[in-house]
Each structure stands twice: as structure tokens, then as C-alpha cells.
C-alpha atoms as a PDB file:
ATOM      1  CA  MET A   1       0.138  -0.126   0.140  1.00  0.00           C
ATOM      2  CA  THR A   2       1.624   3.350  -0.763  1.00  0.00           C
ATOM      3  CA  THR A   3       1.942   6.085   1.640  1.00  0.00           C
ATOM      4  CA  ASN A   4       0.006   8.705   1.520  1.00  0.00           C
ATOM      5  CA  PRO A   5       2.174  12.284   0.777  1.00  0.00           C
ATOM      6  CA  GLN A   6      -0.860  14.336   3.148  1.00  0.00           C
ATOM      7  CA  LYS A   7      -0.254  11.915   6.631  1.00  0.00           C
ATOM      8  CA  PRO A   8       1.978  14.667   8.189  1.00  0.00           C
ATOM      9  CA  ASN A   9      -1.352  16.583   8.673  1.00  0.00           C
ATOM     10  CA  LEU A  10      -3.231  13.717   9.659  1.00  0.00           C
ATOM     11  CA  GLN A  11      -3.328  14.773  13.261  1.00  0.00           C
ATOM     12  CA  LYS A  12      -4.857  18.025  11.944  1.00  0.00           C
ATOM     13  CA  LEU A  13      -7.926  16.304  10.553  1.00  0.00           C
ATOM     14  CA  VAL A  14      -8.580  14.115  13.584  1.00  0.00           C
ATOM     15  CA  LYS A  15      -8.123  17.519  16.025  1.00  0.00           C
ATOM     16  CA  PRO A  16     -11.721  18.974  15.370  1.00  0.00           C
ATOM     17  CA  TYR A  17     -13.285  15.364  16.551  1.00  0.00           C
ATOM     18  CA  ILE A  18     -11.183  15.080  19.741  1.00  0.00           C
ATOM     19  CA  GLY A  19     -12.698  15.474  23.369  1.00  0.00           C
ATOM     20  CA  ALA A  20     -15.804  13.822  25.244  1.00  0.00           C
ATOM     21  CA  ASP A  21     -19.411  15.559  24.884  1.00  0.00           C
ATOM     22  CA  ASP A  22     -20.634  14.168  27.853  1.00  0.00           C
ATOM     23  CA  ALA A  23     -24.778  14.358  26.520  1.00  0.00           C
ATOM     24  CA  SER A  24     -23.908  11.997  24.358  1.00  0.00           C
ATOM     25  CA  SER A  25     -21.582   9.962  26.868  1.00  0.00           C
ATOM     26  CA  TRP A  26     -24.328   9.987  28.959  1.00  0.00           C
ATOM     27  CA  PHE A  27     -26.605   8.755  26.528  1.00  0.00           C
ATOM     28  CA  GLN A  28     -24.881   6.061  25.250  1.00  0.00           C
ATOM     29  CA  VAL A  29     -24.336   5.064  29.156  1.00  0.00           C
ATOM     30  CA  PHE A  30     -27.884   4.696  29.370  1.00  0.00           C
ATOM     31  CA  ASN A  31     -28.633   2.900  26.441  1.00  0.00           C
ATOM     32  CA  THR A  32     -26.145   0.341  27.001  1.00  0.00           C
ATOM     33  CA  LEU A  33     -26.279  -0.483  30.652  1.00  0.00           C
ATOM     34  CA  VAL A  34     -30.058  -0.368  31.019  1.00  0.00           C
ATOM     35  CA  PRO A  35     -30.724  -2.524  28.016  1.00  0.00           C
ATOM     36  CA  LEU A  36     -27.896  -4.982  29.566  1.00  0.00           C
ATOM     37  CA  PHE A  37     -29.167  -5.383  32.925  1.00  0.00           C
ATOM     38  CA  LEU A  38     -32.493  -5.917  31.774  1.00  0.00           C
ATOM     39  CA  CYS A  39     -31.844  -8.036  29.363  1.00  0.00           C
ATOM     40  CA  TYR A  40     -30.044 -10.444  32.441  1.00  0.00           C
ATOM     41  CA  TRP A  41     -33.777 -10.034  34.152  1.00  0.00           C
ATOM     42  CA  ALA A  42     -35.008 -11.464  31.346  1.00  0.00           C
ATOM     43  CA  SER A  43     -32.658 -13.908  30.658  1.00  0.00           C
ATOM     44  CA  PHE A  44     -33.111 -15.303  34.593  1.00  0.00           C
ATOM     45  CA  THR A  45     -36.898 -14.951  34.189  1.00  0.00           C
ATOM     46  CA  LEU A  46     -36.941 -16.850  31.035  1.00  0.00           C
ATOM     47  CA  TYR A  47     -34.775 -19.731  32.014  1.00  0.00           C
ATOM     48  CA  ASP A  48     -37.554 -20.736  34.321  1.00  0.00           C
ATOM     49  CA  ILE A  49     -40.061 -21.353  31.472  1.00  0.00           C
ATOM     50  CA  HIS A  50     -37.328 -23.076  29.613  1.00  0.00           C
ATOM     51  CA  PRO A  51     -34.014 -23.518  30.251  1.00  0.00           C
ATOM     52  CA  LEU A  52     -33.367 -22.499  25.854  1.00  0.00           C
ATOM     53  CA  LEU A  53     -35.625 -19.514  26.259  1.00  0.00           C
ATOM     54  CA  SER A  54     -33.166 -17.496  27.891  1.00  0.00           C
ATOM     55  CA  LEU A  55     -30.536 -17.879  25.310  1.00  0.00           C
ATOM     56  CA  PRO A  56     -31.344 -15.186  23.154  1.00  0.00           C
ATOM     57  CA  THR A  57     -31.632 -12.212  25.767  1.00  0.00           C
ATOM     58  CA  GLY A  58     -28.271 -14.064  26.963  1.00  0.00           C
ATOM     59  CA  ILE A  59     -26.622 -13.236  22.847  1.00  0.00           C
ATOM     60  CA  LEU A  60     -28.377  -9.851  23.422  1.00  0.00           C
ATOM     61  CA  ALA A  61     -26.585  -9.347  27.151  1.00  0.00           C
ATOM     62  CA  GLY A  62     -23.221 -10.283  25.480  1.00  0.00           C
ATOM     63  CA  LEU A  63     -23.654  -8.011  22.734  1.00  0.00           C
ATOM     64  CA  PHE A  64     -24.804  -5.135  25.131  1.00  0.00           C
ATOM     65  CA  THR A  65     -21.361  -6.158  26.936  1.00  0.00           C
ATOM     66  CA  THR A  66     -19.088  -5.633  24.235  1.00  0.00           C
ATOM     67  CA  ARG A  67     -20.871  -2.262  23.917  1.00  0.00           C
ATOM     68  CA  THR A  68     -19.811  -1.490  27.893  1.00  0.00           C
ATOM     69  CA  PHE A  69     -16.445  -3.191  27.237  1.00  0.00           C
ATOM     70  CA  ILE A  70     -16.250  -0.209  24.438  1.00  0.00           C
ATOM     71  CA  ILE A  71     -17.477   2.540  27.071  1.00  0.00           C
ATOM     72  CA  MET A  72     -14.592   1.355  29.297  1.00  0.00           C
ATOM     73  CA  HIS A  73     -12.398   1.285  26.606  1.00  0.00           C
ATOM     74  CA  ASP A  74     -13.198   4.589  25.943  1.00  0.00           C
ATOM     75  CA  CYS A  75     -12.648   5.960  29.722  1.00  0.00           C
ATOM     76  CA  GLY A  76      -9.479   4.207  29.432  1.00  0.00           C
ATOM     77  CA  HIS A  77      -8.058   6.720  26.556  1.00  0.00           C
ATOM     78  CA  GLY A  78     -10.062   9.593  28.363  1.00  0.00           C
ATOM     79  CA  SER A  79     -12.449  10.341  25.786  1.00  0.00           C
ATOM     80  CA  PHE A  80     -15.523   9.348  27.276  1.00  0.00           C
ATOM     81  CA  PHE A  81     -16.241  12.180  29.767  1.00  0.00           C
ATOM     82  CA  GLN A  82     -14.607  15.467  30.197  1.00  0.00           C
ATOM     83  CA  SER A  83     -13.914  14.376  34.107  1.00  0.00           C
ATOM     84  CA  ARG A  84     -11.258  12.426  34.886  1.00  0.00           C
ATOM     85  CA  ARG A  85     -13.097  11.380  38.263  1.00  0.00           C
ATOM     86  CA  LEU A  86     -16.493  10.294  36.758  1.00  0.00           C
ATOM     87  CA  ARG A  87     -14.272   8.831  33.425  1.00  0.00           C
ATOM     88  CA  ASP A  88     -12.478   6.299  36.499  1.00  0.00           C
ATOM     89  CA  PHE A  89     -15.384   5.701  38.082  1.00  0.00           C
ATOM     90  CA  LEU A  90     -17.670   4.425  35.283  1.00  0.00           C
ATOM     91  CA  GLY A  91     -14.404   2.948  33.908  1.00  0.00           C
ATOM     92  CA  VAL A  92     -14.492   0.416  37.512  1.00  0.00           C
ATOM     93  CA  ILE A  93     -17.911  -0.003  37.245  1.00  0.00           C
ATOM     94  CA  THR A  94     -17.718  -1.344  33.436  1.00  0.00           C
ATOM     95  CA  GLY A  95     -14.759  -3.353  33.976  1.00  0.00           C
ATOM     96  CA  ILE A  96     -16.803  -5.197  36.481  1.00  0.00           C
ATOM     97  CA  LEU A  97     -19.636  -5.612  34.270  1.00  0.00           C
ATOM     98  CA  THR A  98     -16.588  -7.162  31.434  1.00  0.00           C
ATOM     99  CA  SER A  99     -14.538  -8.933  34.050  1.00  0.00           C
ATOM    100  CA  THR A 100     -11.906  -6.460  33.568  1.00  0.00           C
ATOM    101  CA  PRO A 101      -9.385  -4.496  35.981  1.00  0.00           C
ATOM    102  CA  TYR A 102      -9.913  -1.259  34.317  1.00  0.00           C
ATOM    103  CA  TYR A 103      -6.206   0.635  35.643  1.00  0.00           C
ATOM    104  CA  GLN A 104      -4.353  -2.328  34.687  1.00  0.00           C
ATOM    105  CA  TRP A 105      -6.413  -2.953  31.175  1.00  0.00           C
ATOM    106  CA  THR A 106      -5.682   1.252  30.461  1.00  0.00           C
ATOM    107  CA  ARG A 107      -2.353   0.875  31.124  1.00  0.00           C
ATOM    108  CA  GLU A 108      -1.399  -2.270  29.011  1.00  0.00           C
ATOM    109  CA  HIS A 109      -3.896  -1.165  26.479  1.00  0.00           C
ATOM    110  CA  ALA A 110      -2.099   2.212  25.941  1.00  0.00           C
ATOM    111  CA  ALA A 111       0.971  -0.055  25.332  1.00  0.00           C
ATOM    112  CA  HIS A 112      -0.496  -1.495  22.463  1.00  0.00           C
ATOM    113  CA  HIS A 113      -1.643   1.915  20.747  1.00  0.00           C
ATOM    114  CA  GLN A 114       2.024   3.203  21.138  1.00  0.00           C
ATOM    115  CA  HIS A 115       3.497   0.135  19.674  1.00  0.00           C
ATOM    116  CA  SER A 116       0.586  -0.848  17.264  1.00  0.00           C
ATOM    117  CA  GLY A 117       2.347  -2.469  14.051  1.00  0.00           C
ATOM    118  CA  ASN A 118       5.894  -2.155  15.281  1.00  0.00           C
ATOM    119  CA  LEU A 119       8.033  -5.314  14.966  1.00  0.00           C
ATOM    120  CA  ASP A 120      10.129  -4.707  17.559  1.00  0.00           C
ATOM    121  CA  TYR A 121       7.606  -4.175  20.355  1.00  0.00           C
ATOM    122  CA  ARG A 122       5.502  -7.211  19.857  1.00  0.00           C
ATOM    123  CA  GLY A 123       3.696  -8.967  22.710  1.00  0.00           C
ATOM    124  CA  ARG A 124       2.167  -6.398  24.754  1.00  0.00           C
ATOM    125  CA  GLY A 125      -1.851  -6.273  23.952  1.00  0.00           C
ATOM    126  CA  ASP A 126      -1.430  -7.687  20.394  1.00  0.00           C
ATOM    127  CA  VAL A 127      -2.070 -11.178  18.723  1.00  0.00           C
ATOM    128  CA  TRP A 128       1.656 -12.549  18.782  1.00  0.00           C
ATOM    129  CA  THR A 129       2.581 -13.013  15.093  1.00  0.00           C
ATOM    130  CA  MET A 130       5.926 -14.271  13.847  1.00  0.00           C
ATOM    131  CA  THR A 131       7.465 -13.145  10.546  1.00  0.00           C
ATOM    132  CA  LEU A 132       8.487 -15.469   7.753  1.00  0.00           C
ATOM    133  CA  GLU A 133      12.286 -15.170   8.857  1.00  0.00           C
ATOM    134  CA  GLU A 134      11.883 -16.057  12.566  1.00  0.00           C
ATOM    135  CA  TYR A 135       9.402 -19.187  11.636  1.00  0.00           C
ATOM    136  CA  LYS A 136      12.067 -20.481   8.902  1.00  0.00           C
ATOM    137  CA  ASN A 137      14.778 -20.209  11.740  1.00  0.00           C
ATOM    138  CA  ALA A 138      12.598 -20.895  15.018  1.00  0.00           C
ATOM    139  CA  SER A 139      13.013 -24.692  16.208  1.00  0.00           C
ATOM    140  CA  LYS A 140      10.396 -27.277  15.486  1.00  0.00           C
ATOM    141  CA  LEU A 141       9.333 -26.834  19.416  1.00  0.00           C
ATOM    142  CA  GLU A 142       8.742 -23.056  19.183  1.00  0.00           C
ATOM    143  CA  ARG A 143       7.127 -24.130  15.527  1.00  0.00           C
ATOM    144  CA  LEU A 144       4.581 -26.036  17.158  1.00  0.00           C
ATOM    145  CA  GLN A 145       3.909 -23.672  20.254  1.00  0.00           C
ATOM    146  CA  TYR A 146       3.088 -20.800  17.329  1.00  0.00           C
ATOM    147  CA  TYR A 147       0.579 -23.080  15.641  1.00  0.00           C
ATOM    148  CA  LEU A 148      -1.004 -24.179  18.596  1.00  0.00           C
ATOM    149  CA  TYR A 149      -1.060 -20.534  19.603  1.00  0.00           C
ATOM    150  CA  ARG A 150      -2.395 -19.459  16.510  1.00  0.00           C
ATOM    151  CA  HIS A 151      -5.085 -22.401  16.388  1.00  0.00           C
ATOM    152  CA  PRO A 152      -8.560 -21.068  16.046  1.00  0.00           C
ATOM    153  CA  ILE A 153      -9.548 -22.826  19.260  1.00  0.00           C
ATOM    154  CA  ILE A 154      -6.636 -21.396  21.033  1.00  0.00           C
ATOM    155  CA  THR A 155      -6.925 -17.925  19.957  1.00  0.00           C
ATOM    156  CA  PHE A 156     -10.873 -17.367  19.651  1.00  0.00           C
ATOM    157  CA  GLY A 157     -11.502 -20.162  22.109  1.00  0.00           C
ATOM    158  CA  ILE A 158      -9.272 -21.052  25.494  1.00  0.00           C
ATOM    159  CA  GLY A 159      -7.626 -17.604  24.665  1.00  0.00           C
ATOM    160  CA  PRO A 160     -10.014 -15.420  25.734  1.00  0.00           C
ATOM    161  CA  ILE A 161     -11.355 -17.326  28.821  1.00  0.00           C
ATOM    162  CA  PHE A 162      -7.944 -17.783  29.925  1.00  0.00           C
ATOM    163  CA  LEU A 163      -7.297 -13.790  29.472  1.00  0.00           C
ATOM    164  CA  PHE A 164     -10.184 -12.891  30.766  1.00  0.00           C
ATOM    165  CA  GLN A 165     -11.154 -15.157  33.577  1.00  0.00           C
ATOM    166  CA  PHE A 166      -7.889 -16.245  34.757  1.00  0.00           C
ATOM    167  CA  ARG A 167      -4.806 -13.700  33.715  1.00  0.00           C
ATOM    168  CA  HIS A 168      -7.327 -10.320  34.198  1.00  0.00           C
ATOM    169  CA  ARG A 169      -7.411 -11.540  38.217  1.00  0.00           C
ATOM    170  CA  ILE A 170      -3.996 -11.656  38.915  1.00  0.00           C
ATOM    171  CA  THR A 171      -1.856  -8.491  39.543  1.00  0.00           C
ATOM    172  CA  LEU A 172       1.687  -8.141  37.694  1.00  0.00           C
ATOM    173  CA  LYS A 173       5.193  -6.758  38.778  1.00  0.00           C
ATOM    174  CA  THR A 174       4.620  -3.815  36.617  1.00  0.00           C
ATOM    175  CA  ASP A 175       1.490  -3.103  38.327  1.00  0.00           C
ATOM    176  CA  ARG A 176       1.348   0.245  40.001  1.00  0.00           C
ATOM    177  CA  PRO A 177      -0.178   0.485  43.301  1.00  0.00           C
ATOM    178  CA  ILE A 178      -3.779   1.517  42.537  1.00  0.00           C
ATOM    179  CA  GLU A 179      -3.579  -0.928  39.474  1.00  0.00           C
ATOM    180  CA  LYS A 180      -3.161  -3.721  41.966  1.00  0.00           C
ATOM    181  CA  ARG A 181      -5.950  -2.076  44.452  1.00  0.00           C
ATOM    182  CA  ASN A 182      -8.339  -2.136  41.407  1.00  0.00           C
ATOM    183  CA  VAL A 183      -7.264  -5.989  40.086  1.00  0.00           C
ATOM    184  CA  TYR A 184      -8.278  -6.830  43.839  1.00  0.00           C
ATOM    185  CA  PHE A 185     -11.273  -4.686  44.289  1.00  0.00           C
ATOM    186  CA  THR A 186     -12.832  -5.939  40.735  1.00  0.00           C
ATOM    187  CA  ASN A 187     -12.474  -9.407  41.547  1.00  0.00           C
ATOM    188  CA  MET A 188     -14.187  -9.185  45.188  1.00  0.00           C
ATOM    189  CA  ALA A 189     -16.804  -7.237  43.282  1.00  0.00           C
ATOM    190  CA  ILE A 190     -16.977  -9.915  40.737  1.00  0.00           C
ATOM    191  CA  VAL A 191     -17.077 -13.039  43.499  1.00  0.00           C
ATOM    192  CA  ALA A 192     -19.788 -10.568  45.027  1.00  0.00           C
ATOM    193  CA  ILE A 193     -21.998 -10.653  42.562  1.00  0.00           C
ATOM    194  CA  LEU A 194     -21.532 -14.551  41.221  1.00  0.00           C
ATOM    195  CA  SER A 195     -22.057 -15.650  44.631  1.00  0.00           C
ATOM    196  CA  ALA A 196     -25.481 -13.875  44.967  1.00  0.00           C
ATOM    197  CA  LEU A 197     -26.809 -14.444  41.930  1.00  0.00           C
ATOM    198  CA  THR A 198     -25.919 -18.196  42.673  1.00  0.00           C
ATOM    199  CA  TYR A 199     -28.005 -17.793  45.843  1.00  0.00           C
ATOM    200  CA  PHE A 200     -31.398 -16.148  45.252  1.00  0.00           C
ATOM    201  CA  ALA A 201     -31.377 -18.078  41.140  1.00  0.00           C
ATOM    202  CA  GLY A 202     -29.303 -21.429  41.682  1.00  0.00           C
ATOM    203  CA  GLY A 203     -25.405 -22.253  40.339  1.00  0.00           C
ATOM    204  CA  LEU A 204     -26.432 -23.744  37.260  1.00  0.00           C
ATOM    205  CA  LYS A 205     -28.763 -21.387  36.022  1.00  0.00           C
ATOM    206  CA  THR A 206     -26.558 -18.416  36.819  1.00  0.00           C
ATOM    207  CA  PHE A 207     -23.612 -20.271  35.205  1.00  0.00           C
ATOM    208  CA  VAL A 208     -25.669 -20.980  32.054  1.00  0.00           C
ATOM    209  CA  ILE A 209     -26.966 -17.307  31.688  1.00  0.00           C
ATOM    210  CA  VAL A 210     -23.313 -15.622  32.707  1.00  0.00           C
ATOM    211  CA  GLY A 211     -21.700 -18.322  30.914  1.00  0.00           C
ATOM    212  CA  THR A 212     -23.966 -17.215  27.155  1.00  0.00           C
ATOM    213  CA  VAL A 213     -23.141 -13.889  28.400  1.00  0.00           C
ATOM    214  CA  VAL A 214     -19.773 -13.843  28.805  1.00  0.00           C
ATOM    215  CA  GLY A 215     -18.759 -16.294  26.158  1.00  0.00           C
ATOM    216  CA  THR A 216     -20.607 -14.112  23.475  1.00  0.00           C
ATOM    217  CA  ALA A 217     -19.230 -10.378  24.316  1.00  0.00           C
ATOM    218  CA  GLN A 218     -15.428 -12.600  24.583  1.00  0.00           C
ATOM    219  CA  LEU A 219     -15.932 -14.330  21.037  1.00  0.00           C
ATOM    220  CA  LEU A 220     -17.313 -11.127  19.146  1.00  0.00           C
ATOM    221  CA  GLY A 221     -14.212  -9.066  21.279  1.00  0.00           C
ATOM    222  CA  CYS A 222     -12.050 -11.010  19.961  1.00  0.00           C
ATOM    223  CA  LEU A 223     -12.916 -11.612  16.407  1.00  0.00           C
ATOM    224  CA  LEU A 224     -13.308  -8.093  16.157  1.00  0.00           C
ATOM    225  CA  PHE A 225      -9.609  -7.338  17.468  1.00  0.00           C
ATOM    226  CA  TYR A 226      -8.248  -9.591  15.427  1.00  0.00           C
ATOM    227  CA  VAL A 227      -9.460  -8.984  11.931  1.00  0.00           C
ATOM    228  CA  GLN A 228      -8.773  -5.402  12.363  1.00  0.00           C
ATOM    229  CA  HIS A 229      -4.904  -5.876  13.009  1.00  0.00           C
ATOM    230  CA  GLN A 230      -4.768  -9.171  11.157  1.00  0.00           C
ATOM    231  CA  TYR A 231      -5.611  -9.019   7.476  1.00  0.00           C
ATOM    232  CA  GLU A 232      -3.620  -9.484   4.448  1.00  0.00           C
ATOM    233  CA  GLU A 233      -1.787  -6.071   3.192  1.00  0.00           C
ATOM    234  CA  VAL A 234      -1.480  -4.676   7.126  1.00  0.00           C
ATOM    235  CA  TYR A 235       1.131  -3.068   7.585  1.00  0.00           C
ATOM    236  CA  TRP A 236       4.323  -4.165  10.011  1.00  0.00           C
ATOM    237  CA  GLY A 237       7.596  -1.903  10.567  1.00  0.00           C
ATOM    238  CA  LYS A 238      10.360  -1.735  12.739  1.00  0.00           C
ATOM    239  CA  GLY A 239      13.085   0.623  13.486  1.00  0.00           C
ATOM    240  CA  LYS A 240      13.441   3.699  12.140  1.00  0.00           C
ATOM    241  CA  THR A 241      10.994   2.446   9.088  1.00  0.00           C
ATOM    242  CA  TRP A 242       8.059   2.574  11.772  1.00  0.00           C
ATOM    243  CA  ASP A 243       5.926   5.291  11.589  1.00  0.00           C
ATOM    244  CA  TYR A 244       2.904   5.854  13.697  1.00  0.00           C
ATOM    245  CA  ASN A 245       0.595   7.430  11.320  1.00  0.00           C
ATOM    246  CA  THR A 246       0.987   4.870   8.961  1.00  0.00           C
ATOM    247  CA  ALA A 247       0.721   1.683  11.192  1.00  0.00           C
ATOM    248  CA  ALA A 248      -2.680   3.637  12.139  1.00  0.00           C
ATOM    249  CA  LEU A 249      -4.069   3.990   8.505  1.00  0.00           C
ATOM    250  CA  GLU A 250      -2.320   0.830   7.023  1.00  0.00           C
ATOM    251  CA  GLY A 251      -2.028  -1.478   9.987  1.00  0.00           C
ATOM    252  CA  CYS A 252      -5.389  -1.327  10.880  1.00  0.00           C
ATOM    253  CA  SER A 253      -8.572  -1.748   9.228  1.00  0.00           C
ATOM    254  CA  TYR A 254     -11.867  -0.019   8.527  1.00  0.00           C
ATOM    255  CA  LEU A 255     -14.315  -2.966   9.175  1.00  0.00           C
ATOM    256  CA  GLU A 256     -17.340  -2.057   7.552  1.00  0.00           C
ATOM    257  CA  LEU A 257     -20.652  -4.033   9.809  1.00  0.00           C
ATOM    258  CA  PRO A 258     -23.942  -4.349   9.338  1.00  0.00           C
ATOM    259  CA  LYS A 259     -25.446  -1.143  11.174  1.00  0.00           C
ATOM    260  CA  VAL A 260     -27.110  -3.247  14.106  1.00  0.00           C
ATOM    261  CA  LEU A 261     -23.355  -4.443  14.905  1.00  0.00           C
ATOM    262  CA  GLN A 262     -21.922  -1.319  14.373  1.00  0.00           C
ATOM    263  CA  TRP A 263     -24.098  -0.031  17.031  1.00  0.00           C
ATOM    264  CA  PHE A 264     -23.392  -3.213  19.623  1.00  0.00           C
ATOM    265  CA  THR A 265     -19.639  -2.451  18.985  1.00  0.00           C
ATOM    266  CA  GLY A 266     -19.926   1.229  19.450  1.00  0.00           C
ATOM    267  CA  ASN A 267     -18.091   2.086  16.220  1.00  0.00           C
ATOM    268  CA  ILE A 268     -14.925   0.145  16.770  1.00  0.00           C
ATOM    269  CA  GLY A 269     -14.896  -0.735  13.199  1.00  0.00           C
ATOM    270  CA  PHE A 270     -13.444   2.514  12.334  1.00  0.00           C
ATOM    271  CA  HIS A 271     -10.165   1.228  13.722  1.00  0.00           C
ATOM    272  CA  HIS A 272      -7.961   3.331  11.975  1.00  0.00           C
ATOM    273  CA  ILE A 273      -9.277   6.530  12.831  1.00  0.00           C
ATOM    274  CA  HIS A 274      -9.305   5.431  16.874  1.00  0.00           C
ATOM    275  CA  HIS A 275      -5.176   4.603  16.484  1.00  0.00           C
ATOM    276  CA  LEU A 276      -5.125   7.603  14.364  1.00  0.00           C
ATOM    277  CA  ASN A 277      -6.041   9.675  17.674  1.00  0.00           C
ATOM    278  CA  HIS A 278      -7.081   7.581  20.532  1.00  0.00           C
ATOM    279  CA  ARG A 279      -8.905  10.706  21.804  1.00  0.00           C
ATOM    280  CA  VAL A 280     -11.898  10.645  19.023  1.00  0.00           C
ATOM    281  CA  PRO A 281     -14.892   9.040  21.370  1.00  0.00           C
ATOM    282  CA  ASN A 282     -16.340   6.080  19.967  1.00  0.00           C
ATOM    283  CA  TYR A 283     -19.553   8.243  19.152  1.00  0.00           C
ATOM    284  CA  LYS A 284     -17.509  10.408  16.868  1.00  0.00           C
ATOM    285  CA  LEU A 285     -15.467   7.953  14.810  1.00  0.00           C
ATOM    286  CA  GLU A 286     -18.191   7.431  12.303  1.00  0.00           C
ATOM    287  CA  LYS A 287     -18.691  11.484  11.301  1.00  0.00           C
ATOM    288  CA  CYS A 288     -14.630  11.791  11.616  1.00  0.00           C
ATOM    289  CA  HIS A 289     -14.484   8.758   8.657  1.00  0.00           C
ATOM    290  CA  LYS A 290     -17.586  10.383   6.096  1.00  0.00           C
ATOM    291  CA  GLU A 291     -16.172  14.124   6.135  1.00  0.00           C
ATOM    292  CA  ASN A 292     -12.711  12.953   5.212  1.00  0.00           C
ATOM    293  CA  ARG A 293     -12.031  11.295   1.996  1.00  0.00           C
ATOM    294  CA  LEU A 294      -8.394  10.208   3.033  1.00  0.00           C
ATOM    295  CA  PHE A 295      -9.831   8.155   5.799  1.00  0.00           C
ATOM    296  CA  GLN A 296     -12.083   6.458   3.694  1.00  0.00           C
ATOM    297  CA  ASN A 297      -8.942   4.871   1.317  1.00  0.00           C
ATOM    298  CA  VAL A 298      -7.938   2.484   3.508  1.00  0.00           C
ATOM    299  CA  ALA A 299      -7.989  -1.309   4.273  1.00  0.00           C
ATOM    300  CA  THR A 300     -11.978  -1.994   4.187  1.00  0.00           C
ATOM    301  CA  LEU A 301     -13.001  -5.390   5.571  1.00  0.00           C
ATOM    302  CA  THR A 302     -16.669  -6.495   5.896  1.00  0.00           C
ATOM    303  CA  MET A 303     -17.998  -9.796   7.644  1.00  0.00           C
ATOM    304  CA  LYS A 304     -17.665 -11.870   4.565  1.00  0.00           C
ATOM    305  CA  ASP A 305     -13.463 -11.520   5.257  1.00  0.00           C
ATOM    306  CA  MET A 306     -13.602 -12.559   9.027  1.00  0.00           C
ATOM    307  CA  ILE A 307     -13.348 -16.224   8.004  1.00  0.00           C
ATOM    308  CA  PRO A 308     -10.154 -15.346   4.850  1.00  0.00           C
ATOM    309  CA  CYS A 309      -8.174 -13.508   7.853  1.00  0.00           C
ATOM    310  CA  ILE A 310      -8.281 -16.199  10.436  1.00  0.00           C
ATOM    311  CA  SER A 311      -6.577 -18.107   8.209  1.00  0.00           C
ATOM    312  CA  LEU A 312      -3.537 -15.478   8.200  1.00  0.00           C
ATOM    313  CA  LYS A 313      -0.632 -16.618  10.643  1.00  0.00           C
ATOM    314  CA  ILE A 314       2.966 -15.554   8.999  1.00  0.00           C
ATOM    315  CA  TYR A 315       3.614 -11.884   7.944  1.00  0.00           C
ATOM    316  CA  ASP A 316       6.230 -11.443   5.175  1.00  0.00           C
ATOM    317  CA  GLU A 317       8.069  -8.408   5.644  1.00  0.00           C
ATOM    318  CA  LYS A 318       9.824  -8.824   1.722  1.00  0.00           C
ATOM    319  CA  GLN A 319       6.333  -8.866   0.242  1.00  0.00           C
ATOM    320  CA  GLY A 320       4.614  -6.977   3.396  1.00  0.00           C
ATOM    321  CA  LYS A 321       1.615  -9.087   3.780  1.00  0.00           C
ATOM    322  CA  MET A 322      -0.063 -12.174   5.803  1.00  0.00           C
ATOM    323  CA  LEU A 323       0.243 -15.779   4.509  1.00  0.00           C
ATOM    324  CA  THR A 324      -1.574 -18.786   5.440  1.00  0.00           C
ATOM    325  CA  TRP A 325      -0.037 -22.067   6.303  1.00  0.00           C
ATOM    326  CA  LYS A 326      -0.306 -23.193   2.821  1.00  0.00           C
ATOM    327  CA  GLN A 327       1.586 -20.211   1.292  1.00  0.00           C
ATOM    328  CA  VAL A 328       4.080 -20.175   3.754  1.00  0.00           C
ATOM    329  CA  ARG A 329       4.318 -24.364   3.109  1.00  0.00           C
ATOM    330  CA  ALA A 330       4.175 -23.765  -0.801  1.00  0.00           C
ATOM    331  CA  MET A 331       7.307 -21.681   0.021  1.00  0.00           C
ATOM    332  CA  GLY A 332       9.050 -24.491   1.379  1.00  0.00           C
ATOM    333  CA  SER A 333       9.331 -22.749   4.825  1.00  0.00           C
ATOM    334  CA  CYS A 334       6.922 -25.919   6.599  1.00  0.00           C
END
């Protein structure tokens, strides 16, 4: 993909869209959290009639949980409310609802934005990606480990469960005191909520309904994050050749979703703009995209492109594109 000569002015283009609008933020809080709780209530009520009746509302609650995660995400980026105290308070609450320690996740996610598309800084908040040369030089054990890591069952099944239900329950050596306290508080809040639901509704009912909600949200969220950074002509650079603006526009896709899914996912499909400047609130991303033709000239994916993206595993620096296992084998690298 050719680098656009106007890129030095990209930050000027997004500047008018930076900054939270409190009215829009409050509206999003109410049209997300109120339906989320109503879906939970409906799921527990319908389960008593027949367990299968709780599945549609459980899946719907999973979609609202994904939207709740976007609110937490924007709070962490400082783009949701003008008041930092209010952002952090809401971030902690939405973090509990999405099984995510807000302060710890925010710090780790900031590293993802800072080094997205940089081969020298892989492994923090991203999907680990090996280059073709690295794979050629890897041992059989390292190849096997990478193959298993990139297998869909791990990437979209076991991986998200491990990350959100186990990895996020522990503190890290790099955590600051506020992050450690937040991890402990989030864990205690989750235990308290699940204990209360189990006590009043029963263990099996709670497991089925919460499992449906959490499973839907985690699968959708993981799939979105994957295709936004793992497509054929994705940009990866290193050293002095890496460029932040290029990484945003050529290392992040525009995922064109049906309007309903776009709403539930908080416009995160406009990922190229979000990475260009994370201070643009999710409810301004589409407006920024539509009003600037330059932002429309990026890698555009639709739902039918998701499955082919899942098959991409290795980055070939020479060709500047991702390869499938079949393509890697054809090159004699397996």
C-alpha cells in the first residue's frame, strides 16, 4: 500500500473530533447499561420457563456487554467524559461488568496503541505474530507452540477464557499500587455478584446465563480485535522505518459492519481513526470517517472477509503481507 503524502497533516484532520461530549456520553451509558440489566433480568426470568428461552436474551446481553466494554475502553483513553474522576469511576464499574480490571487493562492497552504495527515491540496487547524469517529459523518446538497459539480454538476459544477469567484476576510485577488495588476490588466485586446470583437463582442457572453472556461478548470482541490487525496487506514496520500514522492507517482496518453490529460494537470498526488518535470518542468516529475522504482510502473489510483473515498466520516482510499456512508450506518454510 502506498504511503499517502498528506499523512503529516493527519492529526490536524482528526483534531476537530477530539474531546468528549458529556451529553452523548451519558446517553450512551443509559442506552447500554439499562438494556444490559434488563436482558439479564429477562434471561433469569425466561430460564424458569425453559432454559433454551434464556439463550436469545443471553446473547443479546452479550452484545450489550461488548458495547459496555467499549465504554470502559473509551474511559481508559480519556475520551468519554470530560471529568477524569467520572471517567475512572465509570471505567471501574464497566470493568467489573466485563471482567476486566480497568486500571491495569488501560495501561497495557496504551502500550498496544503506542507500538501497534511495530515488529520491535510485539507481545503487549496484541496477537503475537511471527515473521516468515523468524519462523524459518525457529526450532520445531517453537513452531509447534506458535501453531497451537494461532489455532482458532486457542485464539477464539481457550485464549479469551484464559485472558478474561484467569489472567485478569492476578496482579503483575509492573502494576502500580492503584492497579493492584483495582484488580483486588474487581475480583471481589465479581465474586460478590456471582455469589449473590448463585444464592438467589441457583448455580446452574447462573452458570448457563452468565456463560452465554460472557461467551458471546468474548468471542465477538476477540474476533473484532483480530481482524482489525490481522489482514493480508497489514502494515508492520521496525526501527526507523516504523511510523505511527502509517501504522494507524495501514496497520488497522476499517471493518464495515451492518448498522446493528456497528452500534453494538461502539463504532470500533473505524479502527484506523481510533488508532490515529485515541482521544476521538467512539460516537464521533463515523463522522470523522465520512467527512474526510482520506480516511476512506484504507483497507476495508466486511463480515465476509473475517473467515479468510482467520487463516492468516505469518507476516512476510519482503512481500509486506500476511500468509496462510498453505502459502508458507508452498514456499518450503514448513
